[in-house]
Amino acid sequence: MKKALRIGLATVAIAAVGATTAVFNTVYTNEDYASSPYVQTAVLRQGASGGEVKELQRRLKQWGYYSGAVDGIYGKGTVEAVKAFQRKNGLTPDGVAGLETYKALGMNDSVKVLENDKKNNQSSNNPNYTNSDLYLLAKCIYAEARGESYTGQVAVGAVVLNRVASSQFPNTISGVIYQRHAFTAVSDGQINLEPDKTALNAASDAMNGWDPTYGCLYYYNPAVATSSWIFGRQTVTTIGKHVFAI
């Protein structure tokens, strides 16, 4: 796959702050990701959650832009607060917390995350995928396919990446995953679950080019799927409970 990224899991599996065991020894939590710049979801948008969102909310609330709970959930209230802050500071009011918004907020650790991602990408074979992409892909895999075999989990990740590479879909991992009605796990909120080690490994393998689906753009569980449209897609392979199609 052209957009494969050689991501060593050692980049992500770093020691948690104040501990001697690697993060990969347990299921990930928001606190684990907040402890290291390499595993935070650096660019924040609606649907994100975790310690970094809490810090964003805390600063916005301190300066009078946000009146909701500092709960670490990037909901509509947080989006509107970010937009108001961006307008006040001459930034594009898109409700997404990225590099320029972090700089204006003084969130220097988050600025470093994005700047480090840029540096890593410049030395990578592929400038498109970041550690944040790896984490988000792992979240999607865990939410959509945690009951499947390892190959089945890699396959779900491969479908996401195949969509990124296709002109029929958004050209970023976040764009594909959060495309309206694209994934059940986004609609029902399971995307906010923390991925485990298996999902992170599967995401890495998918990014490194393993595609058990042979280029598929769709998958579904025939036992629960209700759309007649999806049943009309050409089946390529079946892995576990999922049928993969083009």
C-alpha atoms as a PDB file:
ATOM      1  CA  MET A   1       0.000   0.000   0.000  1.00  0.00           C
ATOM      2  CA  LYS A   2       1.360   3.383  -1.018  1.00  0.00           C
ATOM      3  CA  LYS A   3       0.352   4.985   2.219  1.00  0.00           C
ATOM      4  CA  ALA A   4       1.963   2.383   4.480  1.00  0.00           C
ATOM      5  CA  LEU A   5       3.959   3.820   7.339  1.00  0.00           C
ATOM      6  CA  ARG A   6       6.781   2.048   9.110  1.00  0.00           C
ATOM      7  CA  ILE A   7       5.761   2.763  12.664  1.00  0.00           C
ATOM      8  CA  GLY A   8       7.695   0.910  15.323  1.00  0.00           C
ATOM      9  CA  LEU A   9       5.533   0.150  18.297  1.00  0.00           C
ATOM     10  CA  ALA A  10       8.448   1.126  20.465  1.00  0.00           C
ATOM     11  CA  THR A  11       7.598   4.705  19.541  1.00  0.00           C
ATOM     12  CA  VAL A  12       4.239   4.324  21.230  1.00  0.00           C
ATOM     13  CA  ALA A  13       5.019   1.793  23.956  1.00  0.00           C
ATOM     14  CA  ILE A  14       6.908   4.148  26.239  1.00  0.00           C
ATOM     15  CA  ALA A  15       6.963   4.066  29.995  1.00  0.00           C
ATOM     16  CA  ALA A  16       4.145   5.769  31.841  1.00  0.00           C
ATOM     17  CA  VAL A  17       5.162   8.749  33.965  1.00  0.00           C
ATOM     18  CA  GLY A  18       6.257   7.662  37.424  1.00  0.00           C
ATOM     19  CA  ALA A  19       6.218   3.958  36.533  1.00  0.00           C
ATOM     20  CA  THR A  20       8.801   1.445  35.420  1.00  0.00           C
ATOM     21  CA  THR A  21       6.546  -0.796  33.345  1.00  0.00           C
ATOM     22  CA  ALA A  22       5.721  -0.124  29.715  1.00  0.00           C
ATOM     23  CA  VAL A  23       2.294   1.178  28.767  1.00  0.00           C
ATOM     24  CA  PHE A  24       1.768  -1.940  26.653  1.00  0.00           C
ATOM     25  CA  ASN A  25       1.623  -4.064  29.805  1.00  0.00           C
ATOM     26  CA  THR A  26      -1.999  -3.031  30.337  1.00  0.00           C
ATOM     27  CA  VAL A  27      -5.057  -1.634  28.650  1.00  0.00           C
ATOM     28  CA  TYR A  28      -4.562   2.025  27.763  1.00  0.00           C
ATOM     29  CA  THR A  29      -6.302   4.748  29.709  1.00  0.00           C
ATOM     30  CA  ASN A  30      -6.650   8.464  29.101  1.00  0.00           C
ATOM     31  CA  GLU A  31      -4.091   9.047  31.854  1.00  0.00           C
ATOM     32  CA  ASP A  32      -1.544   6.871  30.009  1.00  0.00           C
ATOM     33  CA  TYR A  33      -1.951   8.930  26.869  1.00  0.00           C
ATOM     34  CA  ALA A  34      -1.823  12.223  28.762  1.00  0.00           C
ATOM     35  CA  SER A  35       1.521  11.191  30.279  1.00  0.00           C
ATOM     36  CA  SER A  36       3.417  11.140  27.001  1.00  0.00           C
ATOM     37  CA  PRO A  37       3.518  13.423  23.949  1.00  0.00           C
ATOM     38  CA  TYR A  38       3.872  10.408  21.680  1.00  0.00           C
ATOM     39  CA  VAL A  39       0.479   8.942  22.482  1.00  0.00           C
ATOM     40  CA  GLN A  40      -1.802  11.922  22.916  1.00  0.00           C
ATOM     41  CA  THR A  41      -4.490  12.602  20.348  1.00  0.00           C
ATOM     42  CA  ALA A  42      -2.797  15.849  19.428  1.00  0.00           C
ATOM     43  CA  VAL A  43      -5.376  17.423  17.093  1.00  0.00           C
ATOM     44  CA  LEU A  44      -8.660  17.522  18.998  1.00  0.00           C
ATOM     45  CA  ARG A  45     -12.142  17.705  17.506  1.00  0.00           C
ATOM     46  CA  GLN A  46     -15.688  16.791  18.483  1.00  0.00           C
ATOM     47  CA  GLY A  47     -15.824  13.208  19.753  1.00  0.00           C
ATOM     48  CA  ALA A  48     -12.331  13.229  21.285  1.00  0.00           C
ATOM     49  CA  SER A  49     -11.834  12.514  24.973  1.00  0.00           C
ATOM     50  CA  GLY A  50      -9.101  12.332  27.577  1.00  0.00           C
ATOM     51  CA  GLY A  51      -6.712  14.358  29.660  1.00  0.00           C
ATOM     52  CA  GLU A  52      -5.735  16.710  26.867  1.00  0.00           C
ATOM     53  CA  VAL A  53      -9.386  17.650  26.336  1.00  0.00           C
ATOM     54  CA  LYS A  54      -9.672  18.371  30.067  1.00  0.00           C
ATOM     55  CA  GLU A  55      -6.725  20.744  29.898  1.00  0.00           C
ATOM     56  CA  LEU A  56      -8.251  22.476  26.884  1.00  0.00           C
ATOM     57  CA  GLN A  57     -11.561  22.863  28.726  1.00  0.00           C
ATOM     58  CA  ARG A  58      -9.848  24.097  31.880  1.00  0.00           C
ATOM     59  CA  ARG A  59      -8.074  26.892  30.025  1.00  0.00           C
ATOM     60  CA  LEU A  60     -11.149  27.895  28.062  1.00  0.00           C
ATOM     61  CA  LYS A  61     -13.200  27.977  31.254  1.00  0.00           C
ATOM     62  CA  GLN A  62     -10.573  29.991  33.089  1.00  0.00           C
ATOM     63  CA  TRP A  63     -10.747  32.657  30.372  1.00  0.00           C
ATOM     64  CA  GLY A  64     -14.531  32.736  30.175  1.00  0.00           C
ATOM     65  CA  TYR A  65     -15.103  30.921  26.892  1.00  0.00           C
ATOM     66  CA  TYR A  66     -16.457  27.673  28.333  1.00  0.00           C
ATOM     67  CA  SER A  67     -19.127  27.187  31.008  1.00  0.00           C
ATOM     68  CA  GLY A  68     -19.602  23.413  30.939  1.00  0.00           C
ATOM     69  CA  ALA A  69     -18.084  20.622  32.996  1.00  0.00           C
ATOM     70  CA  VAL A  70     -14.367  19.917  32.712  1.00  0.00           C
ATOM     71  CA  ASP A  71     -15.082  16.271  31.929  1.00  0.00           C
ATOM     72  CA  GLY A  72     -12.582  15.494  29.172  1.00  0.00           C
ATOM     73  CA  ILE A  73     -15.318  14.998  26.555  1.00  0.00           C
ATOM     74  CA  TYR A  74     -15.078  17.140  23.425  1.00  0.00           C
ATOM     75  CA  GLY A  75     -18.771  17.800  22.910  1.00  0.00           C
ATOM     76  CA  LYS A  76     -20.755  20.592  21.274  1.00  0.00           C
ATOM     77  CA  GLY A  77     -20.155  22.969  24.171  1.00  0.00           C
ATOM     78  CA  THR A  78     -16.407  22.564  23.832  1.00  0.00           C
ATOM     79  CA  VAL A  79     -16.616  23.019  20.063  1.00  0.00           C
ATOM     80  CA  GLU A  80     -18.479  26.311  20.470  1.00  0.00           C
ATOM     81  CA  ALA A  81     -16.031  27.491  23.141  1.00  0.00           C
ATOM     82  CA  VAL A  82     -13.082  26.726  20.861  1.00  0.00           C
ATOM     83  CA  LYS A  83     -14.773  28.595  18.009  1.00  0.00           C
ATOM     84  CA  ALA A  84     -15.337  31.635  20.211  1.00  0.00           C
ATOM     85  CA  PHE A  85     -11.715  31.560  21.336  1.00  0.00           C
ATOM     86  CA  GLN A  86     -10.502  31.202  17.765  1.00  0.00           C
ATOM     87  CA  ARG A  87     -12.611  34.137  16.561  1.00  0.00           C
ATOM     88  CA  LYS A  88     -11.311  36.322  19.391  1.00  0.00           C
ATOM     89  CA  ASN A  89      -7.726  35.452  18.517  1.00  0.00           C
ATOM     90  CA  GLY A  90      -7.944  35.859  14.746  1.00  0.00           C
ATOM     91  CA  LEU A  91      -7.891  32.121  13.980  1.00  0.00           C
ATOM     92  CA  THR A  92     -10.132  30.120  11.651  1.00  0.00           C
ATOM     93  CA  PRO A  93     -13.219  29.315  13.781  1.00  0.00           C
ATOM     94  CA  ASP A  94     -13.512  25.632  12.891  1.00  0.00           C
ATOM     95  CA  GLY A  95     -13.893  24.289  16.432  1.00  0.00           C
ATOM     96  CA  VAL A  96     -10.835  22.049  15.997  1.00  0.00           C
ATOM     97  CA  ALA A  97      -7.913  22.433  18.398  1.00  0.00           C
ATOM     98  CA  GLY A  98      -4.750  22.231  16.330  1.00  0.00           C
ATOM     99  CA  LEU A  99      -1.295  23.770  16.363  1.00  0.00           C
ATOM    100  CA  GLU A 100      -2.230  27.451  16.109  1.00  0.00           C
ATOM    101  CA  THR A 101      -5.039  27.115  18.658  1.00  0.00           C
ATOM    102  CA  TYR A 102      -2.683  25.359  21.082  1.00  0.00           C
ATOM    103  CA  LYS A 103      -0.128  28.149  20.658  1.00  0.00           C
ATOM    104  CA  ALA A 104      -2.758  30.800  21.409  1.00  0.00           C
ATOM    105  CA  LEU A 105      -3.905  28.841  24.474  1.00  0.00           C
ATOM    106  CA  GLY A 106      -0.363  28.388  25.728  1.00  0.00           C
ATOM    107  CA  MET A 107      -0.688  24.574  25.629  1.00  0.00           C
ATOM    108  CA  ASN A 108       3.018  24.108  24.990  1.00  0.00           C
ATOM    109  CA  ASP A 109       3.081  20.334  25.495  1.00  0.00           C
ATOM    110  CA  SER A 110       0.449  19.899  22.791  1.00  0.00           C
ATOM    111  CA  VAL A 111       2.382  22.237  20.500  1.00  0.00           C
ATOM    112  CA  LYS A 112       5.432  20.023  20.975  1.00  0.00           C
ATOM    113  CA  VAL A 113       3.368  16.937  20.067  1.00  0.00           C
ATOM    114  CA  LEU A 114       2.417  18.340  16.687  1.00  0.00           C
ATOM    115  CA  GLU A 115       5.853  19.752  16.008  1.00  0.00           C
ATOM    116  CA  ASN A 116       7.421  16.376  16.880  1.00  0.00           C
ATOM    117  CA  ASP A 117       4.949  14.656  14.560  1.00  0.00           C
ATOM    118  CA  LYS A 118       6.008  16.999  11.760  1.00  0.00           C
ATOM    119  CA  LYS A 119       9.678  16.232  12.354  1.00  0.00           C
ATOM    120  CA  ASN A 120       9.021  12.497  12.461  1.00  0.00           C
ATOM    121  CA  ASN A 121       6.966  12.667   9.293  1.00  0.00           C
ATOM    122  CA  GLN A 122       9.679  14.521   7.418  1.00  0.00           C
ATOM    123  CA  SER A 123      12.054  11.619   8.059  1.00  0.00           C
ATOM    124  CA  SER A 124       9.408   8.990   7.298  1.00  0.00           C
ATOM    125  CA  ASN A 125       8.633   7.319   3.991  1.00  0.00           C
ATOM    126  CA  ASN A 126       5.118   8.682   4.351  1.00  0.00           C
ATOM    127  CA  PRO A 127       4.352  12.217   5.517  1.00  0.00           C
ATOM    128  CA  ASN A 128       0.654  11.507   6.056  1.00  0.00           C
ATOM    129  CA  TYR A 129       0.429   9.309   9.156  1.00  0.00           C
ATOM    130  CA  THR A 130       1.253  10.353  12.701  1.00  0.00           C
ATOM    131  CA  ASN A 131       1.246   8.698  16.098  1.00  0.00           C
ATOM    132  CA  SER A 132      -2.146  10.308  16.627  1.00  0.00           C
ATOM    133  CA  ASP A 133      -3.361   8.518  13.487  1.00  0.00           C
ATOM    134  CA  LEU A 134      -2.059   5.230  14.870  1.00  0.00           C
ATOM    135  CA  TYR A 135      -3.970   5.740  18.107  1.00  0.00           C
ATOM    136  CA  LEU A 136      -7.200   6.737  16.350  1.00  0.00           C
ATOM    137  CA  LEU A 137      -6.972   3.755  13.981  1.00  0.00           C
ATOM    138  CA  ALA A 138      -6.433   1.473  16.988  1.00  0.00           C
ATOM    139  CA  LYS A 139      -9.510   2.982  18.649  1.00  0.00           C
ATOM    140  CA  CYS A 140     -11.569   2.237  15.546  1.00  0.00           C
ATOM    141  CA  ILE A 141     -10.247  -1.323  15.346  1.00  0.00           C
ATOM    142  CA  TYR A 142     -10.958  -1.949  19.023  1.00  0.00           C
ATOM    143  CA  ALA A 143     -14.449  -0.467  18.812  1.00  0.00           C
ATOM    144  CA  GLU A 144     -15.408  -2.258  15.611  1.00  0.00           C
ATOM    145  CA  ALA A 145     -13.611  -5.599  15.847  1.00  0.00           C
ATOM    146  CA  ARG A 146     -12.282  -6.389  19.332  1.00  0.00           C
ATOM    147  CA  GLY A 147     -14.131  -9.721  19.278  1.00  0.00           C
ATOM    148  CA  GLU A 148     -12.518 -10.764  15.989  1.00  0.00           C
ATOM    149  CA  SER A 149      -9.280 -12.663  15.385  1.00  0.00           C
ATOM    150  CA  TYR A 150      -6.043 -10.714  15.074  1.00  0.00           C
ATOM    151  CA  THR A 151      -6.197 -11.001  11.287  1.00  0.00           C
ATOM    152  CA  GLY A 152      -9.772  -9.770  11.404  1.00  0.00           C
ATOM    153  CA  GLN A 153      -8.704  -6.724  13.397  1.00  0.00           C
ATOM    154  CA  VAL A 154      -5.887  -5.919  10.963  1.00  0.00           C
ATOM    155  CA  ALA A 155      -8.435  -6.284   8.159  1.00  0.00           C
ATOM    156  CA  VAL A 156     -10.674  -3.585   9.646  1.00  0.00           C
ATOM    157  CA  GLY A 157      -7.679  -1.273   9.909  1.00  0.00           C
ATOM    158  CA  ALA A 158      -6.767  -2.048   6.314  1.00  0.00           C
ATOM    159  CA  VAL A 159     -10.243  -1.051   5.115  1.00  0.00           C
ATOM    160  CA  VAL A 160      -9.848   2.327   6.803  1.00  0.00           C
ATOM    161  CA  LEU A 161      -6.472   2.837   5.109  1.00  0.00           C
ATOM    162  CA  ASN A 162      -7.813   1.658   1.760  1.00  0.00           C
ATOM    163  CA  ARG A 163     -10.497   4.324   2.037  1.00  0.00           C
ATOM    164  CA  VAL A 164      -7.864   6.954   2.809  1.00  0.00           C
ATOM    165  CA  ALA A 165      -6.089   5.937  -0.403  1.00  0.00           C
ATOM    166  CA  SER A 166      -9.317   5.989  -2.446  1.00  0.00           C
ATOM    167  CA  SER A 167     -10.647   9.113  -4.151  1.00  0.00           C
ATOM    168  CA  GLN A 168     -14.149   8.027  -3.099  1.00  0.00           C
ATOM    169  CA  PHE A 169     -13.466   8.837   0.571  1.00  0.00           C
ATOM    170  CA  PRO A 170     -11.793  11.488   2.729  1.00  0.00           C
ATOM    171  CA  ASN A 171      -7.998  11.409   2.476  1.00  0.00           C
ATOM    172  CA  THR A 172      -7.207  11.276   6.194  1.00  0.00           C
ATOM    173  CA  ILE A 173      -7.743   8.600   8.825  1.00  0.00           C
ATOM    174  CA  SER A 174      -9.830  10.905  11.007  1.00  0.00           C
ATOM    175  CA  GLY A 175     -11.840  11.998   7.983  1.00  0.00           C
ATOM    176  CA  VAL A 176     -12.640   8.395   7.064  1.00  0.00           C
ATOM    177  CA  ILE A 177     -13.465   7.282  10.592  1.00  0.00           C
ATOM    178  CA  TYR A 178     -15.647  10.271  11.425  1.00  0.00           C
ATOM    179  CA  GLN A 179     -17.398  10.401   8.053  1.00  0.00           C
ATOM    180  CA  ARG A 180     -21.130  10.553   8.738  1.00  0.00           C
ATOM    181  CA  HIS A 181     -22.696   7.098   9.215  1.00  0.00           C
ATOM    182  CA  ALA A 182     -19.491   5.352   8.082  1.00  0.00           C
ATOM    183  CA  PHE A 183     -18.873   3.311  11.238  1.00  0.00           C
ATOM    184  CA  THR A 184     -21.369   2.026  13.786  1.00  0.00           C
ATOM    185  CA  ALA A 185     -18.806   2.454  16.566  1.00  0.00           C
ATOM    186  CA  VAL A 186     -18.734   6.209  15.977  1.00  0.00           C
ATOM    187  CA  SER A 187     -22.528   6.458  15.938  1.00  0.00           C
ATOM    188  CA  ASP A 188     -22.970   4.533  19.206  1.00  0.00           C
ATOM    189  CA  GLY A 189     -19.975   6.051  21.003  1.00  0.00           C
ATOM    190  CA  GLN A 190     -17.789   2.954  21.228  1.00  0.00           C
ATOM    191  CA  ILE A 191     -15.076   4.862  19.352  1.00  0.00           C
ATOM    192  CA  ASN A 192     -14.339   6.546  22.700  1.00  0.00           C
ATOM    193  CA  LEU A 193     -13.247   3.253  24.304  1.00  0.00           C
ATOM    194  CA  GLU A 194      -9.523   2.908  24.964  1.00  0.00           C
ATOM    195  CA  PRO A 195      -7.747   0.488  22.605  1.00  0.00           C
ATOM    196  CA  ASP A 196      -5.803  -2.446  23.995  1.00  0.00           C
ATOM    197  CA  LYS A 197      -2.374  -3.737  22.982  1.00  0.00           C
ATOM    198  CA  THR A 198      -3.828  -6.050  20.335  1.00  0.00           C
ATOM    199  CA  ALA A 199      -5.658  -3.210  18.600  1.00  0.00           C
ATOM    200  CA  LEU A 200      -2.519  -1.064  18.603  1.00  0.00           C
ATOM    201  CA  ASN A 201      -0.493  -3.919  17.142  1.00  0.00           C
ATOM    202  CA  ALA A 202      -3.162  -4.464  14.491  1.00  0.00           C
ATOM    203  CA  ALA A 203      -3.174  -0.773  13.602  1.00  0.00           C
ATOM    204  CA  SER A 204       0.596  -0.808  13.238  1.00  0.00           C
ATOM    205  CA  ASP A 205       0.526  -3.900  11.032  1.00  0.00           C
ATOM    206  CA  ALA A 206      -2.148  -2.356   8.823  1.00  0.00           C
ATOM    207  CA  MET A 207      -0.108   0.836   8.491  1.00  0.00           C
ATOM    208  CA  ASN A 208       2.948  -1.231   7.635  1.00  0.00           C
ATOM    209  CA  GLY A 209       1.108  -2.654   4.626  1.00  0.00           C
ATOM    210  CA  TRP A 210      -0.581  -5.879   5.736  1.00  0.00           C
ATOM    211  CA  ASP A 211      -3.955  -6.003   4.012  1.00  0.00           C
ATOM    212  CA  PRO A 212      -5.819  -9.299   4.566  1.00  0.00           C
ATOM    213  CA  THR A 213      -8.744  -7.860   2.547  1.00  0.00           C
ATOM    214  CA  TYR A 214      -6.820  -7.413  -0.728  1.00  0.00           C
ATOM    215  CA  GLY A 215      -7.891  -3.811  -1.145  1.00  0.00           C
ATOM    216  CA  CYS A 216     -11.465  -3.869   0.153  1.00  0.00           C
ATOM    217  CA  LEU A 217     -13.310  -0.648   0.931  1.00  0.00           C
ATOM    218  CA  TYR A 218     -16.233  -2.129   2.854  1.00  0.00           C
ATOM    219  CA  TYR A 219     -16.976  -4.746   5.492  1.00  0.00           C
ATOM    220  CA  TYR A 220     -20.129  -5.837   7.271  1.00  0.00           C
ATOM    221  CA  ASN A 221     -21.545  -8.484   9.548  1.00  0.00           C
ATOM    222  CA  PRO A 222     -24.300 -10.229   7.550  1.00  0.00           C
ATOM    223  CA  ALA A 223     -25.985 -11.326  10.782  1.00  0.00           C
ATOM    224  CA  VAL A 224     -26.750  -7.747  11.825  1.00  0.00           C
ATOM    225  CA  ALA A 225     -26.442  -5.610   8.681  1.00  0.00           C
ATOM    226  CA  THR A 226     -29.721  -4.047   7.586  1.00  0.00           C
ATOM    227  CA  SER A 227     -28.724  -2.133   4.451  1.00  0.00           C
ATOM    228  CA  SER A 228     -29.662  -3.899   1.223  1.00  0.00           C
ATOM    229  CA  TRP A 229     -27.058  -1.743  -0.522  1.00  0.00           C
ATOM    230  CA  ILE A 230     -24.122  -3.338   1.282  1.00  0.00           C
ATOM    231  CA  PHE A 231     -25.253  -6.845   0.342  1.00  0.00           C
ATOM    232  CA  GLY A 232     -24.873  -5.844  -3.299  1.00  0.00           C
ATOM    233  CA  ARG A 233     -21.151  -5.151  -3.014  1.00  0.00           C
ATOM    234  CA  GLN A 234     -18.777  -7.693  -4.532  1.00  0.00           C
ATOM    235  CA  THR A 235     -17.444  -9.999  -1.818  1.00  0.00           C
ATOM    236  CA  VAL A 236     -13.686 -10.564  -1.773  1.00  0.00           C
ATOM    237  CA  THR A 237     -13.156 -12.516   1.435  1.00  0.00           C
ATOM    238  CA  THR A 238     -14.720 -13.403   4.763  1.00  0.00           C
ATOM    239  CA  ILE A 239     -12.752 -13.177   8.004  1.00  0.00           C
ATOM    240  CA  GLY A 240     -14.529 -14.199  11.164  1.00  0.00           C
ATOM    241  CA  LYS A 241     -17.967 -12.562  11.291  1.00  0.00           C
ATOM    242  CA  HIS A 242     -17.107  -9.877   8.737  1.00  0.00           C
ATOM    243  CA  VAL A 243     -17.564 -10.000   4.990  1.00  0.00           C
ATOM    244  CA  PHE A 244     -15.099  -7.761   3.131  1.00  0.00           C
ATOM    245  CA  ALA A 245     -16.147  -6.268  -0.179  1.00  0.00           C
ATOM    246  CA  ILE A 246     -15.316  -3.740  -2.876  1.00  0.00           C
END
